[in-house]
C-alpha atoms as a PDB file:
ATOM      1  CA  MET A   1      10.224 -18.415  -4.611  1.00  0.00           C
ATOM      2  CA  ASN A   2       7.423 -17.665  -2.116  1.00  0.00           C
ATOM      3  CA  ARG A   3       4.007 -18.951  -3.605  1.00  0.00           C
ATOM      4  CA  LYS A   4       1.719 -17.665  -1.162  1.00  0.00           C
ATOM      5  CA  LEU A   5       0.510 -14.306  -2.601  1.00  0.00           C
ATOM      6  CA  ILE A   6       0.151 -11.221  -0.470  1.00  0.00           C
ATOM      7  CA  ILE A   7      -2.842  -9.042  -2.104  1.00  0.00           C
ATOM      8  CA  ASN A   8      -2.446  -5.692  -0.814  1.00  0.00           C
ATOM      9  CA  CYS A   9      -5.712  -3.771  -1.308  1.00  0.00           C
ATOM     10  CA  THR A  10      -5.638   0.051  -1.916  1.00  0.00           C
ATOM     11  CA  PRO A  11      -9.276   1.236  -1.828  1.00  0.00           C
ATOM     12  CA  THR A  12      -9.125   4.902  -1.656  1.00  0.00           C
ATOM     13  CA  GLY A  13      -5.945   6.741  -2.175  1.00  0.00           C
ATOM     14  CA  MET A  14      -6.048  10.547  -2.122  1.00  0.00           C
ATOM     15  CA  ILE A  15      -6.971  11.339  -6.159  1.00  0.00           C
ATOM     16  CA  PRO A  16     -10.259   9.566  -7.123  1.00  0.00           C
ATOM     17  CA  THR A  17     -13.370  11.522  -6.311  1.00  0.00           C
ATOM     18  CA  LYS A  18     -16.974  10.303  -6.280  1.00  0.00           C
ATOM     19  CA  ASP A  19     -17.425  12.707  -9.943  1.00  0.00           C
ATOM     20  CA  MET A  20     -14.630  10.274 -11.039  1.00  0.00           C
ATOM     21  CA  THR A  21     -16.106   7.167  -9.997  1.00  0.00           C
ATOM     22  CA  PRO A  22     -19.221   6.193  -7.910  1.00  0.00           C
ATOM     23  CA  HIS A  23     -17.190   3.131  -6.860  1.00  0.00           C
ATOM     24  CA  VAL A  24     -14.594   4.832  -4.831  1.00  0.00           C
ATOM     25  CA  PRO A  25     -15.161   4.324  -1.078  1.00  0.00           C
ATOM     26  CA  ILE A  26     -14.602   7.948   0.551  1.00  0.00           C
ATOM     27  CA  ALA A  27     -16.523   7.857   3.724  1.00  0.00           C
ATOM     28  CA  PRO A  28     -15.244   5.959   6.875  1.00  0.00           C
ATOM     29  CA  GLU A  29     -18.010   3.370   6.802  1.00  0.00           C
ATOM     30  CA  GLU A  30     -17.930   3.261   2.772  1.00  0.00           C
ATOM     31  CA  ILE A  31     -14.237   2.221   3.143  1.00  0.00           C
ATOM     32  CA  VAL A  32     -14.970  -0.358   6.210  1.00  0.00           C
ATOM     33  CA  LYS A  33     -17.472  -2.179   3.925  1.00  0.00           C
ATOM     34  CA  ASP A  34     -15.421  -2.159   0.805  1.00  0.00           C
ATOM     35  CA  VAL A  35     -12.412  -3.595   2.765  1.00  0.00           C
ATOM     36  CA  LEU A  36     -14.353  -6.186   4.333  1.00  0.00           C
ATOM     37  CA  ALA A  37     -15.805  -7.287   1.022  1.00  0.00           C
ATOM     38  CA  CYS A  38     -12.719  -7.391  -0.525  1.00  0.00           C
ATOM     39  CA  ALA A  39     -11.117  -9.503   2.765  1.00  0.00           C
ATOM     40  CA  LYS A  40     -13.483 -11.972   1.747  1.00  0.00           C
ATOM     41  CA  LEU A  41     -12.250 -12.280  -1.775  1.00  0.00           C
ATOM     42  CA  GLY A  42      -8.681 -12.964  -0.638  1.00  0.00           C
ATOM     43  CA  ALA A  43      -6.968  -9.325   0.358  1.00  0.00           C
ATOM     44  CA  SER A  44      -4.846  -9.714   3.489  1.00  0.00           C
ATOM     45  CA  MET A  45      -3.297  -6.330   3.477  1.00  0.00           C
ATOM     46  CA  ILE A  46      -4.896  -3.289   3.279  1.00  0.00           C
ATOM     47  CA  HIS A  47      -3.140   0.312   2.599  1.00  0.00           C
ATOM     48  CA  ILE A  48      -5.564   3.201   4.084  1.00  0.00           C
ATOM     49  CA  HIS A  49      -5.779   6.753   3.271  1.00  0.00           C
ATOM     50  CA  ALA A  50      -8.591   8.810   4.852  1.00  0.00           C
ATOM     51  CA  ARG A  51     -10.743  11.615   3.672  1.00  0.00           C
ATOM     52  CA  ASP A  52     -12.452  14.314   5.502  1.00  0.00           C
ATOM     53  CA  SER A  53     -16.325  15.069   5.462  1.00  0.00           C
ATOM     54  CA  ASP A  54     -15.762  16.976   2.079  1.00  0.00           C
ATOM     55  CA  GLY A  55     -14.165  13.762   0.479  1.00  0.00           C
ATOM     56  CA  LYS A  56     -10.538  15.346   0.647  1.00  0.00           C
ATOM     57  CA  PRO A  57      -7.382  13.760   2.059  1.00  0.00           C
ATOM     58  CA  THR A  58      -7.065  14.172   5.909  1.00  0.00           C
ATOM     59  CA  TYR A  59      -4.306  13.272   8.310  1.00  0.00           C
ATOM     60  CA  LYS A  60      -6.462  13.220  11.324  1.00  0.00           C
ATOM     61  CA  LYS A  61      -5.944  10.526  13.457  1.00  0.00           C
ATOM     62  CA  GLU A  62      -9.660  10.553  14.506  1.00  0.00           C
ATOM     63  CA  VAL A  63     -10.687   9.520  10.763  1.00  0.00           C
ATOM     64  CA  PHE A  64      -8.117   6.703  10.517  1.00  0.00           C
ATOM     65  CA  GLU A  65      -9.374   5.432  14.191  1.00  0.00           C
ATOM     66  CA  GLU A  66     -12.984   5.190  13.065  1.00  0.00           C
ATOM     67  CA  ILE A  67     -12.144   3.087   9.684  1.00  0.00           C
ATOM     68  CA  ILE A  68      -9.590   0.949  11.735  1.00  0.00           C
ATOM     69  CA  ARG A  69     -12.178   0.486  14.736  1.00  0.00           C
ATOM     70  CA  GLY A  70     -15.080  -0.490  11.890  1.00  0.00           C
ATOM     71  CA  ILE A  71     -12.572  -3.087  10.214  1.00  0.00           C
ATOM     72  CA  ARG A  72     -11.403  -4.478  13.291  1.00  0.00           C
ATOM     73  CA  LYS A  73     -14.959  -5.019  14.946  1.00  0.00           C
ATOM     74  CA  GLU A  74     -15.390  -7.230  11.729  1.00  0.00           C
ATOM     75  CA  ASN A  75     -12.061  -8.420  10.987  1.00  0.00           C
ATOM     76  CA  LYS A  76      -9.145  -8.479  13.654  1.00  0.00           C
ATOM     77  CA  GLU A  77      -6.642 -10.669  11.357  1.00  0.00           C
ATOM     78  CA  LEU A  78      -6.351  -7.912   8.393  1.00  0.00           C
ATOM     79  CA  VAL A  79      -3.035  -6.412   7.975  1.00  0.00           C
ATOM     80  CA  LEU A  80      -3.845  -2.724   8.096  1.00  0.00           C
ATOM     81  CA  CYS A  81      -1.409  -0.036   6.939  1.00  0.00           C
ATOM     82  CA  VAL A  82      -1.871   3.725   7.023  1.00  0.00           C
ATOM     83  CA  THR A  83      -0.335   6.358   5.144  1.00  0.00           C
ATOM     84  CA  THR A  84       1.870   8.904   5.940  1.00  0.00           C
ATOM     85  CA  SER A  85       1.821  10.481   2.399  1.00  0.00           C
ATOM     86  CA  GLY A  86       3.436  14.130   1.718  1.00  0.00           C
ATOM     87  CA  ARG A  87       1.414  14.564  -1.469  1.00  0.00           C
ATOM     88  CA  ASN A  88      -1.128  16.899   0.210  1.00  0.00           C
ATOM     89  CA  TYR A  89       0.724  18.031   3.514  1.00  0.00           C
ATOM     90  CA  PRO A  90       4.750  17.428   3.865  1.00  0.00           C
ATOM     91  CA  GLU A  91       4.741  18.538   7.708  1.00  0.00           C
ATOM     92  CA  PHE A  92       5.706  15.551   9.591  1.00  0.00           C
ATOM     93  CA  GLU A  93       3.545  16.956  12.515  1.00  0.00           C
ATOM     94  CA  LYS A  94       0.677  16.174  10.444  1.00  0.00           C
ATOM     95  CA  ARG A  95       1.965  13.008   8.703  1.00  0.00           C
ATOM     96  CA  GLY A  96       3.112  11.707  12.064  1.00  0.00           C
ATOM     97  CA  GLN A  97      -0.316  12.098  13.622  1.00  0.00           C
ATOM     98  CA  VAL A  98      -1.652   8.730  12.746  1.00  0.00           C
ATOM     99  CA  LEU A  99       1.307   6.732  14.413  1.00  0.00           C
ATOM    100  CA  ASP A 100       0.101   7.762  17.439  1.00  0.00           C
ATOM    101  CA  LEU A 101      -2.960   5.630  17.232  1.00  0.00           C
ATOM    102  CA  ASP A 102      -2.791   2.715  20.109  1.00  0.00           C
ATOM    103  CA  GLY A 103      -4.292   0.174  21.675  1.00  0.00           C
ATOM    104  CA  GLU A 104      -7.055  -1.697  19.518  1.00  0.00           C
ATOM    105  CA  VAL A 105      -6.996   0.864  16.961  1.00  0.00           C
ATOM    106  CA  LYS A 106      -2.909   0.834  16.374  1.00  0.00           C
ATOM    107  CA  PRO A 107      -2.148   0.276  12.822  1.00  0.00           C
ATOM    108  CA  ASP A 108       0.092  -2.557  11.684  1.00  0.00           C
ATOM    109  CA  MET A 109       2.053  -0.763   9.434  1.00  0.00           C
ATOM    110  CA  ALA A 110       2.552   2.960   7.723  1.00  0.00           C
ATOM    111  CA  SER A 111       3.413   3.570   4.517  1.00  0.00           C
ATOM    112  CA  LEU A 112       6.964   5.421   3.856  1.00  0.00           C
ATOM    113  CA  THR A 113       7.628   7.062   0.699  1.00  0.00           C
ATOM    114  CA  LEU A 114      11.382   7.092   0.156  1.00  0.00           C
ATOM    115  CA  SER A 115      12.050  10.162  -1.858  1.00  0.00           C
ATOM    116  CA  SER A 116      10.376  13.332  -3.249  1.00  0.00           C
ATOM    117  CA  LEU A 117       8.569  12.641  -6.669  1.00  0.00           C
ATOM    118  CA  ASN A 118       6.355  14.194  -9.303  1.00  0.00           C
ATOM    119  CA  PHE A 119       2.986  12.692 -10.108  1.00  0.00           C
ATOM    120  CA  ASN A 120       1.281  13.677 -13.352  1.00  0.00           C
ATOM    121  CA  LYS A 121      -0.053  17.060 -11.781  1.00  0.00           C
ATOM    122  CA  THR A 122       1.195  17.443  -8.300  1.00  0.00           C
ATOM    123  CA  ALA A 123       4.284  16.379  -6.114  1.00  0.00           C
ATOM    124  CA  SER A 124       4.839  14.303  -3.140  1.00  0.00           C
ATOM    125  CA  ILE A 125       7.380  16.020  -1.110  1.00  0.00           C
ATOM    126  CA  ASN A 126       9.371  13.790   1.121  1.00  0.00           C
ATOM    127  CA  ASP A 127      12.418  15.696   2.428  1.00  0.00           C
ATOM    128  CA  PRO A 128      15.204  13.540   4.093  1.00  0.00           C
ATOM    129  CA  ASP A 129      14.429  14.837   7.590  1.00  0.00           C
ATOM    130  CA  THR A 130      10.789  14.019   7.344  1.00  0.00           C
ATOM    131  CA  ILE A 131      11.364  10.736   6.026  1.00  0.00           C
ATOM    132  CA  LYS A 132      13.896   9.799   9.019  1.00  0.00           C
ATOM    133  CA  GLN A 133      11.586  11.274  11.720  1.00  0.00           C
ATOM    134  CA  LEU A 134       8.584   9.021  10.245  1.00  0.00           C
ATOM    135  CA  ALA A 135      11.152   6.186  10.142  1.00  0.00           C
ATOM    136  CA  ALA A 136      12.092   6.718  13.590  1.00  0.00           C
ATOM    137  CA  LYS A 137       8.852   6.851  15.058  1.00  0.00           C
ATOM    138  CA  MET A 138       7.385   3.843  13.118  1.00  0.00           C
ATOM    139  CA  LEU A 139      10.517   1.991  14.773  1.00  0.00           C
ATOM    140  CA  GLU A 140       9.478   3.679  18.181  1.00  0.00           C
ATOM    141  CA  LYS A 141       5.781   2.610  18.140  1.00  0.00           C
ATOM    142  CA  GLY A 142       6.461  -0.806  16.741  1.00  0.00           C
ATOM    143  CA  ILE A 143       4.667  -0.165  13.686  1.00  0.00           C
ATOM    144  CA  LYS A 144       6.427  -1.724  10.556  1.00  0.00           C
ATOM    145  CA  PRO A 145       7.246   0.647   7.660  1.00  0.00           C
ATOM    146  CA  GLU A 146       5.506  -0.241   4.029  1.00  0.00           C
ATOM    147  CA  LEU A 147       8.589   0.962   1.892  1.00  0.00           C
ATOM    148  CA  GLU A 148       7.180   2.625  -1.216  1.00  0.00           C
ATOM    149  CA  ALA A 149      10.024   2.647  -4.120  1.00  0.00           C
ATOM    150  CA  PHE A 150       9.282   4.493  -7.486  1.00  0.00           C
ATOM    151  CA  ASP A 151      12.817   4.378  -8.405  1.00  0.00           C
ATOM    152  CA  LEU A 152      16.324   2.851  -8.129  1.00  0.00           C
ATOM    153  CA  GLY A 153      17.596   6.031  -5.924  1.00  0.00           C
ATOM    154  CA  MET A 154      14.808   5.294  -3.636  1.00  0.00           C
ATOM    155  CA  ILE A 155      16.022   1.860  -3.000  1.00  0.00           C
ATOM    156  CA  ASN A 156      19.429   3.284  -2.185  1.00  0.00           C
ATOM    157  CA  TYR A 157      17.785   5.401   0.729  1.00  0.00           C
ATOM    158  CA  ALA A 158      16.237   2.378   1.992  1.00  0.00           C
ATOM    159  CA  LYS A 159      19.895   1.074   2.293  1.00  0.00           C
ATOM    160  CA  TYR A 160      20.813   4.175   4.001  1.00  0.00           C
ATOM    161  CA  LEU A 161      18.020   3.799   6.316  1.00  0.00           C
ATOM    162  CA  ILE A 162      19.100   0.298   7.055  1.00  0.00           C
ATOM    163  CA  ARG A 163      22.513   1.535   7.883  1.00  0.00           C
ATOM    164  CA  LYS A 164      21.211   4.308  10.174  1.00  0.00           C
ATOM    165  CA  GLU A 165      19.308   1.660  11.878  1.00  0.00           C
ATOM    166  CA  LEU A 166      16.170   3.429  11.540  1.00  0.00           C
ATOM    167  CA  ILE A 167      14.352   0.072   9.426  1.00  0.00           C
ATOM    168  CA  THR A 168      14.647  -3.440  10.893  1.00  0.00           C
ATOM    169  CA  PRO A 169      13.977  -6.712   8.418  1.00  0.00           C
ATOM    170  CA  PRO A 170      11.949  -8.511   7.194  1.00  0.00           C
ATOM    171  CA  TYR A 171      11.762  -5.383   4.863  1.00  0.00           C
ATOM    172  CA  TYR A 172       8.293  -5.145   2.936  1.00  0.00           C
ATOM    173  CA  PHE A 173       9.014  -3.152  -0.241  1.00  0.00           C
ATOM    174  CA  ASN A 174       5.798  -1.718  -2.614  1.00  0.00           C
ATOM    175  CA  LEU A 175       7.565  -1.309  -6.000  1.00  0.00           C
ATOM    176  CA  LEU A 176       5.585   1.068  -7.940  1.00  0.00           C
ATOM    177  CA  PHE A 177       5.751   1.173 -11.870  1.00  0.00           C
ATOM    178  CA  GLY A 178       4.390   3.465 -14.743  1.00  0.00           C
ATOM    179  CA  ASN A 179       4.161   6.796 -12.874  1.00  0.00           C
ATOM    180  CA  ILE A 180       5.163   9.737 -15.498  1.00  0.00           C
ATOM    181  CA  ALA A 181       8.103  10.689 -13.646  1.00  0.00           C
ATOM    182  CA  CYS A 182       9.385   7.319 -12.143  1.00  0.00           C
ATOM    183  CA  ALA A 183      10.479   3.636 -13.160  1.00  0.00           C
ATOM    184  CA  GLN A 184       8.392   2.389 -16.010  1.00  0.00           C
ATOM    185  CA  ALA A 185       6.343  -0.821 -16.422  1.00  0.00           C
ATOM    186  CA  ASN A 186       8.733  -2.878 -18.513  1.00  0.00           C
ATOM    187  CA  LEU A 187      10.632  -6.112 -17.426  1.00  0.00           C
ATOM    188  CA  MET A 188      13.855  -4.490 -17.326  1.00  0.00           C
ATOM    189  CA  SER A 189      12.819  -1.638 -14.826  1.00  0.00           C
ATOM    190  CA  VAL A 190      11.009  -4.332 -12.573  1.00  0.00           C
ATOM    191  CA  GLY A 191      14.384  -6.487 -12.853  1.00  0.00           C
ATOM    192  CA  LEU A 192      16.668  -3.913 -12.090  1.00  0.00           C
ATOM    193  CA  MET A 193      14.888  -2.387  -8.953  1.00  0.00           C
ATOM    194  CA  ILE A 194      14.266  -6.210  -7.659  1.00  0.00           C
ATOM    195  CA  HIS A 195      17.937  -6.790  -8.153  1.00  0.00           C
ATOM    196  CA  GLU A 196      18.718  -3.903  -6.149  1.00  0.00           C
ATOM    197  CA  LEU A 197      16.684  -4.724  -2.832  1.00  0.00           C
ATOM    198  CA  PRO A 198      18.202  -5.765   0.231  1.00  0.00           C
ATOM    199  CA  GLU A 199      18.332  -9.183   1.884  1.00  0.00           C
ATOM    200  CA  GLU A 200      15.278 -10.015   3.926  1.00  0.00           C
ATOM    201  CA  SER A 201      13.035  -8.287   1.468  1.00  0.00           C
ATOM    202  CA  VAL A 202       9.075  -9.119   1.065  1.00  0.00           C
ATOM    203  CA  ILE A 203       8.596  -7.413  -2.427  1.00  0.00           C
ATOM    204  CA  GLY A 204       4.988  -6.385  -3.664  1.00  0.00           C
ATOM    205  CA  LEU A 205       4.758  -5.039  -7.008  1.00  0.00           C
ATOM    206  CA  ALA A 206       2.320  -2.416  -8.223  1.00  0.00           C
ATOM    207  CA  GLY A 207       1.075  -0.668 -11.645  1.00  0.00           C
ATOM    208  CA  ILE A 208       0.011   2.707 -12.002  1.00  0.00           C
ATOM    209  CA  GLY A 209      -3.067   3.534 -14.219  1.00  0.00           C
ATOM    210  CA  ASN A 210      -3.223   0.825 -17.408  1.00  0.00           C
ATOM    211  CA  TRP A 211      -0.169  -0.803 -15.922  1.00  0.00           C
ATOM    212  CA  GLN A 212      -2.013  -2.113 -13.213  1.00  0.00           C
ATOM    213  CA  ARG A 213      -3.289  -5.330 -14.924  1.00  0.00           C
ATOM    214  CA  PHE A 214       0.170  -6.145 -16.358  1.00  0.00           C
ATOM    215  CA  ILE A 215       2.283  -5.779 -13.041  1.00  0.00           C
ATOM    216  CA  ASN A 216      -0.303  -7.591 -10.855  1.00  0.00           C
ATOM    217  CA  SER A 217      -0.090 -10.579 -13.569  1.00  0.00           C
ATOM    218  CA  LEU A 218       3.644  -9.971 -13.611  1.00  0.00           C
ATOM    219  CA  ALA A 219       3.717 -10.153  -9.551  1.00  0.00           C
ATOM    220  CA  VAL A 220       1.521 -13.545  -9.321  1.00  0.00           C
ATOM    221  CA  VAL A 221       3.625 -15.522 -12.009  1.00  0.00           C
ATOM    222  CA  SER A 222       7.108 -13.861 -10.701  1.00  0.00           C
ATOM    223  CA  GLY A 223       6.768 -15.507  -7.097  1.00  0.00           C
ATOM    224  CA  TYR A 224       6.065 -11.715  -5.468  1.00  0.00           C
ATOM    225  CA  HIS A 225       3.224  -9.867  -4.470  1.00  0.00           C
ATOM    226  CA  ALA A 226       0.647  -7.619  -5.682  1.00  0.00           C
ATOM    227  CA  ARG A 227      -0.876  -4.225  -4.618  1.00  0.00           C
ATOM    228  CA  VAL A 228      -4.254  -3.515  -6.527  1.00  0.00           C
ATOM    229  CA  GLY A 229      -7.196  -0.906  -6.074  1.00  0.00           C
ATOM    230  CA  LEU A 230      -8.681   2.094  -6.920  1.00  0.00           C
ATOM    231  CA  GLU A 231      -5.872   4.428  -5.647  1.00  0.00           C
ATOM    232  CA  ASP A 232      -3.801   3.199  -8.616  1.00  0.00           C
ATOM    233  CA  ASN A 233      -6.553   2.899 -11.183  1.00  0.00           C
ATOM    234  CA  ILE A 234     -10.018   3.385 -11.194  1.00  0.00           C
ATOM    235  CA  TRP A 235     -10.516   1.330 -14.847  1.00  0.00           C
ATOM    236  CA  PHE A 236     -10.964  -2.067 -15.341  1.00  0.00           C
ATOM    237  CA  ASP A 237     -10.056  -2.314 -19.052  1.00  0.00           C
ATOM    238  CA  GLU A 238      -7.113  -0.707 -20.880  1.00  0.00           C
ATOM    239  CA  GLU A 239      -9.792   0.819 -23.142  1.00  0.00           C
ATOM    240  CA  ARG A 240     -11.246   2.763 -20.142  1.00  0.00           C
ATOM    241  CA  THR A 241     -14.845   1.865 -20.777  1.00  0.00           C
ATOM    242  CA  ILE A 242     -15.220  -0.165 -17.533  1.00  0.00           C
ATOM    243  CA  LEU A 243     -15.092   1.678 -14.298  1.00  0.00           C
ATOM    244  CA  ALA A 244     -13.951  -0.936 -11.938  1.00  0.00           C
ATOM    245  CA  THR A 245     -14.834  -1.663  -7.907  1.00  0.00           C
ATOM    246  CA  ASN A 246     -12.193  -2.772  -5.684  1.00  0.00           C
ATOM    247  CA  GLU A 247     -14.110  -6.403  -5.584  1.00  0.00           C
ATOM    248  CA  MET A 248     -13.411  -6.647  -9.162  1.00  0.00           C
ATOM    249  CA  LEU A 249      -9.947  -5.829  -9.082  1.00  0.00           C
ATOM    250  CA  VAL A 250      -8.911  -8.237  -6.298  1.00  0.00           C
ATOM    251  CA  LYS A 251     -10.921 -10.789  -7.855  1.00  0.00           C
ATOM    252  CA  ARG A 252      -9.165 -10.357 -11.005  1.00  0.00           C
ATOM    253  CA  VAL A 253      -5.637 -10.669  -9.258  1.00  0.00           C
ATOM    254  CA  VAL A 254      -7.023 -13.984  -7.374  1.00  0.00           C
ATOM    255  CA  ASP A 255      -8.542 -15.613 -10.872  1.00  0.00           C
ATOM    256  CA  VAL A 256      -5.015 -15.140 -12.358  1.00  0.00           C
ATOM    257  CA  ALA A 257      -3.319 -16.786  -9.017  1.00  0.00           C
ATOM    258  CA  LYS A 258      -5.580 -19.747  -9.251  1.00  0.00           C
ATOM    259  CA  ALA A 259      -4.877 -19.985 -12.858  1.00  0.00           C
ATOM    260  CA  HIS A 260      -1.602 -20.282 -12.032  1.00  0.00           C
ATOM    261  CA  GLY A 261      -1.536 -22.590  -8.997  1.00  0.00           C
ATOM    262  CA  VAL A 262      -0.616 -19.860  -6.589  1.00  0.00           C
ATOM    263  CA  GLU A 263      -2.117 -19.974  -2.926  1.00  0.00           C
ATOM    264  CA  ILE A 264      -3.462 -16.439  -1.677  1.00  0.00           C
ATOM    265  CA  ALA A 265      -1.977 -15.822   1.807  1.00  0.00           C
ATOM    266  CA  THR A 266      -4.057 -15.608   4.726  1.00  0.00           C
ATOM    267  CA  PRO A 267      -3.667 -12.591   7.131  1.00  0.00           C
ATOM    268  CA  GLN A 268      -2.289 -14.234   9.925  1.00  0.00           C
ATOM    269  CA  GLU A 269       0.446 -15.865   7.546  1.00  0.00           C
ATOM    270  CA  VAL A 270       1.346 -12.313   6.276  1.00  0.00           C
ATOM    271  CA  ARG A 271       1.589 -11.555   9.799  1.00  0.00           C
ATOM    272  CA  GLU A 272       3.994 -14.137   9.949  1.00  0.00           C
ATOM    273  CA  MET A 273       5.876 -13.477   6.967  1.00  0.00           C
ATOM    274  CA  LEU A 274       6.490  -9.634   7.955  1.00  0.00           C
ATOM    275  CA  GLY A 275       7.117 -10.523  11.723  1.00  0.00           C
ATOM    276  CA  LEU A 276       3.854  -8.553  12.846  1.00  0.00           C
ATOM    277  CA  ARG A 277       2.004  -9.415  16.059  1.00  0.00           C
ATOM    278  CA  LYS A 278       0.206 -12.501  15.629  1.00  0.00           C
ATOM    279  CA  VAL A 279      -3.904 -12.166  16.079  1.00  0.00           C
ATOM    280  CA  GLU A 280      -5.559 -14.732  18.958  1.00  0.00           C
END
């Protein structure tokens, strides 16, 4: 059991707005500032979404470039993962644009959702050809997929991609629990999904909404890794009386880890775990 905890911070996502919470970072400079603060607390991996000037999700690589450049100006070691989400735009040409970033703004990783799924009010469309095209482009560009699985079928599809030699080990899986149409946040569901993962998997757990704290804590005490941030839940408490900041959420995971004697992985240690390029 790996006792070095990866904290994967998801600061923005596609849903939270300033009307919902003043704490969600929207503009590139806000995201950069938030990310750097969370990194000082212990976040070693960042799952990046970008917004346009109106605060709406954008696929445009120029906005991702501004965010990545701003982060790396101050912290070159952080593992940076960009989204290729199909929640607002299903087309491969749009979703794959961010994978063309190169040089000092090339992302280390990119998300790869392994099937279509429904959220409360919207759908994320991920047809098989688009998934395979994204996986192939990540492989070509040397960008590791962050494999997002919301149910058992998605894990099976990851195994299909392995057979097709479109993804290579070590495999980084984010298993997400508590979404209304997917695997629920209970021990049986968590155990079943982990049981079905391929060998050489590095396993991160995430809880949606009120389930974030429970799944974060379960990840820490079980020897897995934790995804946390305002993308998954804007509230700090289950009663929804306190709006969270990303720093509050990261600190809570760190505090749980310290209480259980679990060390926090540094970005360089995460790079070694996942076979990513080393930063000198």
